[in-house]
Amino acid sequence: MEAIQLLTNIERDQDWLIANLDYLKKNFDQKFIAIKQEKVIAVGTLMEDVIKTLTVQNLDPSETLIYFISKVAIVL
């Protein structure tokens, strides 16, 4: 996939994530989720589980937004 298109797609999915964060926190608390084309396409307790699911679906994890959802704010 072309780099500009990939960045545009990831930005669109990030915007969708932010707009739907309350719903995602309610339904996917303490889970990793993969978002592509403004949809949750994989969920797992471990990131490795999400990556395996993407691989089975013939999707490249490096071209997919993966995010950890938590109701609790995490400070690094």
Protein backbone atom coordinates (compact mmCIF):
# COMPACT_ATOMS: atom_id res chain seq x y z
CA MET A 1 0.00 0.00 0.00
CA GLU A 2 1.23 3.46 -0.82
CA ALA A 3 2.58 5.38 2.21
CA ILE A 4 0.30 8.42 1.83
CA GLN A 5 -2.79 6.22 1.54
CA LEU A 6 -1.71 4.16 4.56
CA LEU A 7 -1.24 7.28 6.69
CA THR A 8 -4.60 8.65 5.55
CA ASN A 9 -6.33 5.38 6.47
CA ILE A 10 -4.66 5.21 9.91
CA GLU A 11 -5.60 8.84 10.60
CA ARG A 12 -9.23 8.14 9.66
CA ASP A 13 -9.27 5.12 11.98
CA GLN A 14 -7.73 7.18 14.80
CA ASP A 15 -10.44 9.81 14.37
CA TRP A 16 -13.07 7.05 14.51
CA LEU A 17 -11.46 5.62 17.67
CA ILE A 18 -11.56 9.02 19.40
CA ALA A 19 -15.17 9.63 18.36
CA ASN A 20 -16.21 6.20 19.68
CA LEU A 21 -13.96 5.97 22.74
CA ASP A 22 -16.79 5.84 25.29
CA TYR A 23 -18.40 2.92 23.46
CA LEU A 24 -15.05 1.17 23.10
CA LYS A 25 -14.23 1.61 26.80
CA LYS A 26 -17.61 0.17 27.75
CA ASN A 27 -17.32 -2.86 25.47
CA PHE A 28 -13.58 -3.59 25.25
CA ASP A 29 -12.11 -2.54 28.61
CA GLN A 30 -8.63 -3.98 29.22
CA LYS A 31 -8.41 -5.38 25.67
CA PHE A 32 -6.31 -4.73 22.60
CA ILE A 33 -8.40 -3.92 19.55
CA ALA A 34 -7.54 -3.66 15.88
CA ILE A 35 -9.38 -1.05 13.83
CA LYS A 36 -9.52 -0.95 10.06
CA GLN A 37 -11.92 1.02 7.89
CA GLU A 38 -13.63 2.41 11.00
CA LYS A 39 -14.50 -1.05 12.37
CA VAL A 40 -13.16 -3.21 15.18
CA ILE A 41 -11.84 -6.24 13.34
CA ALA A 42 -9.95 -8.08 16.11
CA VAL A 43 -9.98 -8.15 19.92
CA GLY A 44 -7.67 -9.84 22.39
CA THR A 45 -6.29 -9.73 25.90
CA LEU A 46 -2.78 -9.87 24.45
CA MET A 47 -1.47 -7.94 21.47
CA GLU A 48 -0.08 -11.20 20.12
CA ASP A 49 -3.64 -12.58 19.94
CA VAL A 50 -4.76 -9.60 17.88
CA ILE A 51 -1.77 -9.93 15.56
CA LYS A 52 -2.49 -13.64 15.06
CA THR A 53 -6.12 -12.87 14.22
CA LEU A 54 -5.05 -10.26 11.68
CA THR A 55 -2.58 -12.68 10.13
CA VAL A 56 -5.28 -15.36 9.79
CA GLN A 57 -7.44 -12.74 8.03
CA ASN A 58 -4.52 -12.03 5.64
CA LEU A 59 -4.20 -8.49 7.00
CA ASP A 60 -0.87 -6.82 7.66
CA PRO A 61 -0.67 -5.76 11.34
CA SER A 62 1.71 -2.94 10.36
CA GLU A 63 -1.10 -1.45 8.25
CA THR A 64 -3.72 -1.71 10.99
CA LEU A 65 -4.39 0.52 13.99
CA ILE A 66 -3.95 -1.53 17.18
CA TYR A 67 -4.89 0.16 20.44
CA PHE A 68 -5.21 -0.86 24.11
CA ILE A 69 -8.56 0.18 25.58
CA SER A 70 -8.77 1.00 29.27
CA LYS A 71 -11.35 2.80 31.41
CA VAL A 72 -8.46 3.77 33.69
CA ALA A 73 -6.06 6.47 32.49
CA ILE A 74 -2.58 5.04 32.04
CA VAL A 75 0.33 7.39 32.66
CA LEU A 76 3.72 6.43 31.26
